[in-house]
Amino acid sequence: MKRNNLIVALILLIFFVISFLTNILGPIIPDIIDSFTLSLGLAGFLPFAFFAAYAVMSIPSGILVEKYREKKVLTAAFVMAFTGALIFALIPSFGVALSSLFIIGIGMAMLQVVINPLLRTAGGDEHFAFNSVLGQLAFGAASFLSPWLYSYLVNNMHTADTSALITLLNGLVPENLKWVSLYWVFAVTSFLMVIIILFAKFPTVELKEDEKIDAGSSLKELLGDRMVILFFLGIFCYVGTEQGVANWTSKFLQDYHGVDPSTVGASVISYFWGLLTVGCLLGLVLLKFFDSRRVLMLFTSGAIVSLLAGLFGPTAVAIVAFPLVGFFASVMWSIIFSLALNSVSKHHGTFSGILCTGIAGGAVVPLVVGGIAELVGLKVAMLFLLITLGYILSIGIWAKPLVTNATVKSFKDLFN
């Protein structure tokens, strides 16, 4: 099939928007806590509401794509995101926030299921690996930039700034809830994506066997496989760790180091996501030379050391150490996912759906950290992440894939 570069560009834009809407929650949690006078335990329900949607929609989304095709599901996903963002922008309250985050999360879960098979078809099988890396770079770029947008908005709204964007938002957002302006931006962004998708012409996607999801006998068979459950827990722990750090770091720095969450706190989260993206590129190189299990163990050990340094080091160390956790977490998703698929000989599409349901770890782990923080404080509570990182470290020990990653034996192998 002829490559469709416009659709490839659209998919990269979708990667960017998914990250833009998903990973802003961490920087704004301190503001949400202050604005609605929340306890840390209640604040933990914010990421829970968002990521619980993945547990609900990951497998059903695959069924919807096969029945209604990609364009309708993409449109519906962004309509959900637009609705969720607009509701919260109009009625900013804690209860509405939970509902709107769940609605947005459903939309994001639907998008995740659609974009990879569509990227393979539009860009061509032979370019899929390269385009997937581009997608991850777009995802990382949005995660890096969105905290800076948050910082710009909250520090310029209701000031002497007379730019068109700030002037417009000043009339929509109360002075004591400046961070809500982000959800107006999200609503407009989602609406524009609906328009773009409606006018786009999509190729016909023929799902490969390893992209199809069977909610019947295949699902039942896989759920009875101990190895499937173990790798599901691996994805659960990875996303839980990622979101546990991203959602609580800014609040931790505010409480223990007096850091302003709208400036330094936002920049720390931005660099967390930025280094996570850079780490992906280094991981690609290392996987050419070393067994993926060894790379996973090395990077997980680095994440554990960085987390401990961030929690117990002085301010200057914490500001560097927390972003380094992102750097060391960078290879975890791809290695765990590939080890999982390479450990099961069939039903890869359904298995992928089960693994994606593990994204719900981003709902549970931050909630657990918030609950523990109510009892013993956030510093001790974040030590819970040592459990999830410890499980990820163990994968490098017990994983026994049917196929291991190819590594180069000589310089010539790099070009073969």
Protein backbone atom coordinates (compact mmCIF):
# COMPACT_ATOMS: atom_id res chain seq x y z
CA MET A 1 0.00 0.00 0.00
CA LYS A 2 1.20 3.54 -0.81
CA ARG A 3 2.40 5.53 2.19
CA ASN A 4 0.08 8.27 3.42
CA ASN A 5 2.35 10.88 4.98
CA LEU A 6 -0.54 13.18 5.91
CA ILE A 7 -2.12 10.46 8.05
CA VAL A 8 1.29 9.66 9.58
CA ALA A 9 1.62 13.36 10.48
CA LEU A 10 -1.90 13.30 11.95
CA ILE A 11 -1.07 10.26 14.07
CA LEU A 12 2.08 11.96 15.38
CA LEU A 13 -0.11 14.94 16.26
CA ILE A 14 -2.47 12.57 18.10
CA PHE A 15 0.49 11.17 20.08
CA PHE A 16 1.35 14.76 21.01
CA VAL A 17 -2.21 15.59 22.09
CA ILE A 18 -2.61 12.37 24.12
CA SER A 19 0.47 13.27 26.13
CA PHE A 20 -0.55 16.94 26.33
CA LEU A 21 -3.85 16.00 27.97
CA THR A 22 -2.56 13.07 30.03
CA ASN A 23 0.61 14.18 31.75
CA ILE A 24 -0.32 17.65 32.98
CA LEU A 25 -2.03 16.31 36.09
CA GLY A 26 1.18 16.01 38.13
CA PRO A 27 2.20 19.69 37.92
CA ILE A 28 -1.29 20.98 38.78
CA ILE A 29 -2.05 18.65 41.71
CA PRO A 30 -0.63 21.12 44.29
CA ASP A 31 -2.94 23.83 42.89
CA ILE A 32 -5.95 21.50 42.93
CA ILE A 33 -5.21 20.58 46.56
CA ASP A 34 -4.98 24.24 47.56
CA SER A 35 -7.97 25.39 45.51
CA PHE A 36 -10.38 22.72 46.79
CA THR A 37 -8.76 22.26 50.24
CA LEU A 38 -8.13 18.57 49.66
CA SER A 39 -6.29 16.05 51.78
CA LEU A 40 -3.52 14.05 50.11
CA GLY A 41 -5.78 11.00 50.22
CA LEU A 42 -8.56 12.74 48.32
CA ALA A 43 -6.07 14.19 45.82
CA GLY A 44 -5.03 10.62 45.02
CA PHE A 45 -8.45 10.05 43.49
CA LEU A 46 -7.64 12.50 40.67
CA PRO A 47 -5.17 10.22 38.81
CA PHE A 48 -7.32 7.27 39.88
CA ALA A 49 -10.33 8.70 38.02
CA PHE A 50 -8.27 9.24 34.87
CA PHE A 51 -6.39 5.94 34.69
CA ALA A 52 -9.29 3.79 35.86
CA ALA A 53 -10.76 4.57 32.44
CA TYR A 54 -8.00 2.46 30.85
CA ALA A 55 -9.10 -0.56 32.86
CA VAL A 56 -12.66 0.00 31.65
CA MET A 57 -12.02 0.81 27.98
CA SER A 58 -8.79 -0.84 26.73
CA ILE A 59 -10.35 -4.14 25.60
CA PRO A 60 -13.79 -2.72 24.61
CA SER A 61 -12.00 -0.12 22.46
CA GLY A 62 -10.44 -2.87 20.37
CA ILE A 63 -13.90 -4.34 19.73
CA LEU A 64 -15.26 -0.89 18.82
CA VAL A 65 -12.47 -0.33 16.29
CA GLU A 66 -13.25 -3.60 14.50
CA LYS A 67 -16.96 -2.77 14.36
CA TYR A 68 -16.97 0.99 13.62
CA ARG A 69 -13.47 1.52 12.14
CA GLU A 70 -10.77 4.00 13.00
CA LYS A 71 -12.26 7.34 11.95
CA LYS A 72 -15.43 6.99 14.03
CA VAL A 73 -13.54 5.80 17.10
CA LEU A 74 -10.99 8.62 16.83
CA THR A 75 -13.78 11.16 16.47
CA ALA A 76 -15.68 9.73 19.43
CA ALA A 77 -12.49 9.73 21.52
CA PHE A 78 -11.84 13.43 20.98
CA VAL A 79 -15.51 14.24 21.54
CA MET A 80 -15.15 12.55 24.92
CA ALA A 81 -11.99 14.56 25.66
CA PHE A 82 -13.68 17.80 24.58
CA THR A 83 -16.74 17.08 26.73
CA GLY A 84 -14.69 16.21 29.80
CA ALA A 85 -12.44 19.26 29.52
CA LEU A 86 -15.31 21.67 28.83
CA ILE A 87 -17.42 20.43 31.75
CA PHE A 88 -14.55 21.00 34.16
CA ALA A 89 -13.64 24.38 32.65
CA LEU A 90 -17.24 25.54 33.12
CA ILE A 91 -17.85 23.98 36.55
CA PRO A 92 -14.50 23.74 38.37
CA SER A 93 -15.09 21.63 41.49
CA PHE A 94 -13.56 18.47 42.92
CA GLY A 95 -16.57 16.26 42.14
CA VAL A 96 -16.74 17.51 38.57
CA ALA A 97 -12.97 17.05 38.24
CA LEU A 98 -13.29 13.34 39.00
CA SER A 99 -16.04 12.89 36.41
CA SER A 100 -14.30 14.93 33.75
CA LEU A 101 -10.97 13.15 34.23
CA PHE A 102 -12.71 9.79 33.85
CA ILE A 103 -14.40 10.98 30.63
CA ILE A 104 -11.10 12.30 29.25
CA GLY A 105 -9.41 9.04 30.26
CA ILE A 106 -11.96 7.02 28.29
CA GLY A 107 -11.15 9.11 25.23
CA MET A 108 -7.40 8.60 25.69
CA ALA A 109 -7.84 4.83 26.12
CA MET A 110 -9.76 4.69 22.84
CA LEU A 111 -7.02 6.62 21.06
CA GLN A 112 -4.26 4.32 22.32
CA VAL A 113 -5.95 1.29 20.76
CA VAL A 114 -6.42 2.93 17.35
CA ILE A 115 -3.18 4.70 16.61
CA ASN A 116 -0.58 1.91 16.34
CA PRO A 117 -2.34 -0.28 13.72
CA LEU A 118 -3.26 2.91 11.85
CA LEU A 119 0.35 4.11 11.95
CA ARG A 120 1.54 0.75 10.59
CA THR A 121 -0.93 0.91 7.69
CA ALA A 122 -0.43 4.58 6.82
CA GLY A 123 3.35 4.56 7.12
CA GLY A 124 4.03 1.04 5.84
CA ASP A 125 5.19 -2.06 7.69
CA GLU A 126 8.82 -1.42 6.79
CA HIS A 127 8.74 2.03 8.42
CA PHE A 128 6.65 1.09 11.45
CA ALA A 129 9.53 0.85 13.94
CA PHE A 130 10.92 4.23 12.88
CA ASN A 131 7.51 5.89 12.95
CA SER A 132 6.79 4.38 16.38
CA VAL A 133 9.93 6.06 17.72
CA LEU A 134 8.78 9.34 16.16
CA GLY A 135 5.46 8.84 17.94
CA GLN A 136 7.24 8.40 21.27
CA LEU A 137 9.27 11.54 20.60
CA ALA A 138 6.07 13.48 19.90
CA PHE A 139 4.59 12.04 23.10
CA GLY A 140 7.65 13.08 25.07
CA ALA A 141 7.76 16.55 23.54
CA ALA A 142 4.21 17.26 24.70
CA SER A 143 4.96 15.96 28.19
CA PHE A 144 7.97 18.28 28.32
CA LEU A 145 6.12 21.35 27.02
CA SER A 146 2.78 21.12 28.85
CA PRO A 147 4.20 22.01 32.32
CA TRP A 148 5.78 25.10 30.78
CA LEU A 149 2.40 26.11 29.34
CA TYR A 150 0.88 25.66 32.80
CA SER A 151 3.63 27.80 34.31
CA TYR A 152 3.12 30.50 31.67
CA LEU A 153 -0.64 30.65 32.17
CA VAL A 154 -0.74 30.76 35.97
CA ASN A 155 2.04 33.35 36.14
CA ASN A 156 0.58 35.70 33.50
CA MET A 157 -3.19 35.53 33.95
CA HIS A 158 -4.82 38.46 35.74
CA THR A 159 -1.61 40.48 35.47
CA ALA A 160 -0.52 43.32 33.20
CA ASP A 161 -0.08 40.85 30.33
CA THR A 162 -2.37 41.95 27.48
CA SER A 163 -1.70 39.18 24.95
CA ALA A 164 -4.77 37.88 23.11
CA LEU A 165 -4.70 34.43 24.78
CA ILE A 166 -4.30 35.79 28.30
CA THR A 167 -6.96 38.46 27.78
CA LEU A 168 -9.44 35.86 26.53
CA LEU A 169 -8.74 33.47 29.39
CA ASN A 170 -8.96 36.26 31.97
CA GLY A 171 -12.63 36.59 31.08
CA LEU A 172 -13.27 32.86 31.44
CA VAL A 173 -11.26 31.83 34.50
CA PRO A 174 -11.59 33.10 38.09
CA GLU A 175 -8.48 34.77 39.50
CA ASN A 176 -8.21 32.18 42.29
CA LEU A 177 -8.35 29.25 39.82
CA LYS A 178 -5.82 30.26 37.18
CA TRP A 179 -4.80 26.65 36.51
CA VAL A 180 -8.34 25.91 35.22
CA SER A 181 -7.28 27.82 32.09
CA LEU A 182 -5.49 24.65 30.99
CA TYR A 183 -8.83 22.88 30.62
CA TRP A 184 -10.08 25.61 28.30
CA VAL A 185 -6.97 24.98 26.22
CA PHE A 186 -7.65 21.22 26.33
CA ALA A 187 -11.27 21.72 25.27
CA VAL A 188 -10.28 23.86 22.27
CA THR A 189 -7.48 21.46 21.31
CA SER A 190 -9.84 18.46 21.43
CA PHE A 191 -12.48 20.30 19.40
CA LEU A 192 -9.92 21.17 16.72
CA MET A 193 -8.84 17.53 16.59
CA VAL A 194 -12.46 16.48 15.98
CA ILE A 195 -12.64 18.89 13.01
CA ILE A 196 -9.31 17.71 11.59
CA ILE A 197 -10.27 14.04 11.85
CA LEU A 198 -13.68 14.61 10.26
CA PHE A 199 -12.00 16.08 7.17
CA ALA A 200 -9.19 13.51 6.99
CA LYS A 201 -9.39 10.54 4.64
CA PHE A 202 -8.26 7.38 6.39
CA PRO A 203 -6.83 4.25 4.78
CA THR A 204 -8.50 0.88 5.30
CA VAL A 205 -6.72 -0.89 8.13
CA GLU A 206 -6.50 -4.66 7.98
CA LEU A 207 -5.64 -5.78 11.49
CA LYS A 208 -2.97 -8.43 11.77
CA GLU A 209 -3.63 -11.41 13.97
CA ASP A 210 -1.42 -9.95 16.70
CA GLU A 211 -3.50 -6.74 16.65
CA LYS A 212 -6.94 -8.33 17.00
CA ILE A 213 -8.64 -8.60 20.38
CA ASP A 214 -10.81 -11.61 21.17
CA ALA A 215 -12.93 -11.08 24.28
CA GLY A 216 -14.04 -14.74 24.23
CA SER A 217 -12.07 -17.97 24.45
CA SER A 218 -8.64 -16.38 23.84
CA LEU A 219 -9.12 -13.96 26.72
CA LYS A 220 -10.21 -16.75 29.05
CA GLU A 221 -7.24 -18.90 28.03
CA LEU A 222 -4.74 -16.11 28.59
CA LEU A 223 -6.17 -15.13 31.96
CA GLY A 224 -5.53 -18.68 33.10
CA ASP A 225 -1.83 -18.37 32.22
CA ARG A 226 0.33 -17.43 35.23
CA MET A 227 2.92 -15.73 32.99
CA VAL A 228 0.26 -13.43 31.52
CA ILE A 229 -0.76 -12.27 34.99
CA LEU A 230 2.87 -11.70 36.00
CA PHE A 231 3.53 -9.48 32.98
CA PHE A 232 0.21 -7.67 33.49
CA LEU A 233 1.48 -6.82 36.98
CA GLY A 234 4.72 -5.61 35.38
CA ILE A 235 2.88 -3.06 33.23
CA PHE A 236 0.69 -2.19 36.23
CA CYS A 237 3.78 -1.49 38.36
CA TYR A 238 5.54 0.48 35.61
CA VAL A 239 2.67 2.88 34.94
CA GLY A 240 2.00 3.12 38.67
CA THR A 241 5.62 4.09 39.28
CA GLU A 242 5.67 6.59 36.42
CA GLN A 243 2.49 8.29 37.56
CA GLY A 244 3.36 8.00 41.24
CA VAL A 245 6.49 10.06 40.64
CA ALA A 246 4.94 12.44 38.12
CA ASN A 247 1.84 13.16 40.24
CA TRP A 248 3.43 13.56 43.67
CA THR A 249 6.88 15.06 43.02
CA SER A 250 5.73 18.68 42.73
CA LYS A 251 3.70 18.39 45.94
CA PHE A 252 6.64 16.69 47.67
CA LEU A 253 8.99 19.51 46.65
CA GLN A 254 6.47 22.09 47.85
CA ASP A 255 5.98 20.43 51.24
CA TYR A 256 9.56 19.44 52.06
CA HIS A 257 11.64 22.04 50.21
CA GLY A 258 9.32 25.05 49.88
CA VAL A 259 9.49 24.92 46.09
CA ASP A 260 6.91 26.91 44.08
CA PRO A 261 4.88 24.28 42.13
CA SER A 262 4.05 26.72 39.32
CA THR A 263 7.72 27.41 38.50
CA VAL A 264 10.39 25.03 39.82
CA GLY A 265 7.90 22.23 40.48
CA ALA A 266 6.57 22.47 36.92
CA SER A 267 10.09 22.50 35.46
CA VAL A 268 11.08 19.39 37.44
CA ILE A 269 8.09 17.49 36.05
CA SER A 270 8.87 18.81 32.58
CA TYR A 271 12.42 17.48 32.79
CA PHE A 272 11.13 14.19 34.21
CA TRP A 273 9.20 13.64 30.97
CA GLY A 274 11.97 15.12 28.83
CA LEU A 275 14.59 12.76 30.24
CA LEU A 276 12.17 9.86 29.92
CA THR A 277 12.09 10.60 26.19
CA VAL A 278 15.87 10.97 25.90
CA GLY A 279 16.31 7.72 27.81
CA CYS A 280 14.18 5.93 25.19
CA LEU A 281 16.77 6.80 22.53
CA LEU A 282 19.65 5.54 24.66
CA GLY A 283 17.66 2.41 25.42
CA LEU A 284 17.31 1.69 21.69
CA VAL A 285 21.11 1.74 21.37
CA LEU A 286 21.73 -0.42 24.46
CA LEU A 287 19.23 -3.03 23.27
CA LYS A 288 21.40 -3.52 20.20
CA PHE A 289 24.26 -4.68 22.43
CA PHE A 290 22.76 -6.21 25.58
CA ASP A 291 20.01 -8.62 26.59
CA SER A 292 16.89 -6.62 27.35
CA ARG A 293 16.59 -8.23 30.79
CA ARG A 294 19.99 -6.86 31.79
CA VAL A 295 19.12 -3.41 30.48
CA LEU A 296 15.87 -3.52 32.46
CA MET A 297 17.69 -4.46 35.67
CA LEU A 298 20.36 -1.79 35.17
CA PHE A 299 17.87 1.02 34.51
CA THR A 300 15.54 -0.08 37.31
CA SER A 301 18.44 -0.02 39.77
CA GLY A 302 19.23 3.50 38.59
CA ALA A 303 15.60 4.52 39.14
CA ILE A 304 15.67 3.15 42.70
CA VAL A 305 18.87 5.06 43.55
CA SER A 306 17.49 8.26 42.00
CA LEU A 307 14.19 7.96 43.86
CA LEU A 308 15.97 7.56 47.20
CA ALA A 309 18.24 10.52 46.41
CA GLY A 310 15.20 12.65 45.57
CA LEU A 311 13.37 11.70 48.74
CA PHE A 312 16.25 12.07 51.21
CA GLY A 313 18.66 14.47 49.53
CA PRO A 314 18.77 18.27 49.90
CA THR A 315 16.80 20.56 47.58
CA ALA A 316 19.51 20.80 44.92
CA VAL A 317 19.80 17.01 44.77
CA ALA A 318 16.02 16.41 44.74
CA ILE A 319 15.52 18.80 41.82
CA VAL A 320 17.97 16.70 39.76
CA ALA A 321 17.17 13.25 41.13
CA PHE A 322 13.43 13.15 40.37
CA PRO A 323 13.91 13.88 36.65
CA LEU A 324 16.58 11.15 36.62
CA VAL A 325 13.91 8.68 37.76
CA GLY A 326 12.19 9.49 34.45
CA PHE A 327 15.42 8.85 32.55
CA PHE A 328 15.86 5.42 34.13
CA ALA A 329 12.16 4.56 33.71
CA SER A 330 12.39 5.24 29.98
CA VAL A 331 13.05 1.67 28.81
CA MET A 332 10.70 -0.10 31.20
CA TRP A 333 7.46 0.02 29.18
CA SER A 334 8.96 -1.19 25.91
CA ILE A 335 11.10 -3.93 27.49
CA ILE A 336 8.33 -5.30 29.72
CA PHE A 337 5.87 -5.24 26.81
CA SER A 338 8.25 -6.98 24.41
CA LEU A 339 9.32 -9.57 27.00
CA ALA A 340 5.65 -10.28 27.65
CA LEU A 341 4.71 -10.78 24.00
CA ASN A 342 7.85 -12.85 23.40
CA SER A 343 6.92 -15.13 26.32
CA VAL A 344 3.56 -16.21 24.85
CA SER A 345 3.28 -18.00 21.52
CA LYS A 346 -0.24 -16.93 20.44
CA HIS A 347 -3.17 -14.54 20.94
CA HIS A 348 -0.83 -11.54 20.95
CA GLY A 349 -3.59 -9.06 20.12
CA THR A 350 -5.69 -10.11 23.09
CA PHE A 351 -2.58 -10.26 25.28
CA SER A 352 -1.73 -6.68 24.26
CA GLY A 353 -5.22 -5.65 25.35
CA ILE A 354 -4.66 -7.29 28.74
CA LEU A 355 -1.30 -5.54 29.09
CA CYS A 356 -2.81 -2.16 28.17
CA THR A 357 -5.41 -2.71 30.88
CA GLY A 358 -2.43 -2.68 33.23
CA ILE A 359 -2.23 1.06 32.59
CA ALA A 360 -4.75 1.15 35.44
CA GLY A 361 -1.67 0.99 37.66
CA GLY A 362 -1.55 4.73 37.07
CA ALA A 363 -4.88 4.89 38.91
CA VAL A 364 -4.09 2.66 41.86
CA VAL A 365 -0.50 3.48 42.85
CA PRO A 366 -0.87 7.29 43.18
CA LEU A 367 -4.06 6.67 45.18
CA VAL A 368 -2.21 4.29 47.52
CA VAL A 369 0.62 6.82 47.93
CA GLY A 370 -1.90 9.53 48.78
CA GLY A 371 -3.63 7.29 51.30
CA ILE A 372 -0.36 6.36 53.03
CA ALA A 373 0.67 10.03 53.03
CA GLU A 374 -2.42 10.83 55.12
CA LEU A 375 -1.04 8.55 57.84
CA VAL A 376 2.73 8.98 57.75
CA GLY A 377 3.53 11.86 55.41
CA LEU A 378 4.36 12.04 51.70
CA LYS A 379 8.09 11.29 52.05
CA VAL A 380 7.50 7.89 53.66
CA ALA A 381 4.47 7.25 51.41
CA MET A 382 6.55 7.62 48.25
CA LEU A 383 8.77 4.79 49.49
CA PHE A 384 5.86 2.57 48.37
CA LEU A 385 7.29 3.04 44.88
CA LEU A 386 10.22 0.86 45.94
CA ILE A 387 7.76 -2.05 45.91
CA THR A 388 6.66 -1.40 42.33
CA LEU A 389 10.26 -0.81 41.20
CA GLY A 390 11.33 -3.95 43.04
CA TYR A 391 8.77 -5.98 41.09
CA ILE A 392 10.01 -4.50 37.80
CA LEU A 393 13.59 -5.40 38.81
CA SER A 394 12.47 -8.98 39.45
CA ILE A 395 11.18 -9.29 35.86
CA GLY A 396 14.78 -9.20 34.66
CA ILE A 397 15.44 -12.25 36.83
CA TRP A 398 12.45 -14.51 36.17
CA ALA A 399 11.45 -13.60 32.60
CA LYS A 400 12.24 -16.41 30.17
CA PRO A 401 11.10 -15.22 26.72
CA LEU A 402 10.74 -17.68 23.86
CA VAL A 403 12.66 -15.20 21.72
CA THR A 404 15.33 -12.82 23.06
CA ASN A 405 16.19 -9.46 21.52
CA ALA A 406 18.77 -9.57 18.73
CA THR A 407 22.15 -8.10 19.68
CA VAL A 408 25.17 -7.27 17.55
CA LYS A 409 28.22 -9.50 17.84
CA SER A 410 30.52 -7.28 15.79
CA PHE A 411 30.63 -3.81 14.25
CA LYS A 412 29.48 -5.24 10.92
CA ASP A 413 26.27 -6.49 12.51
CA LEU A 414 25.15 -2.88 13.01
CA PHE A 415 24.59 -2.59 9.26
CA ASN A 416 22.90 -6.00 8.73
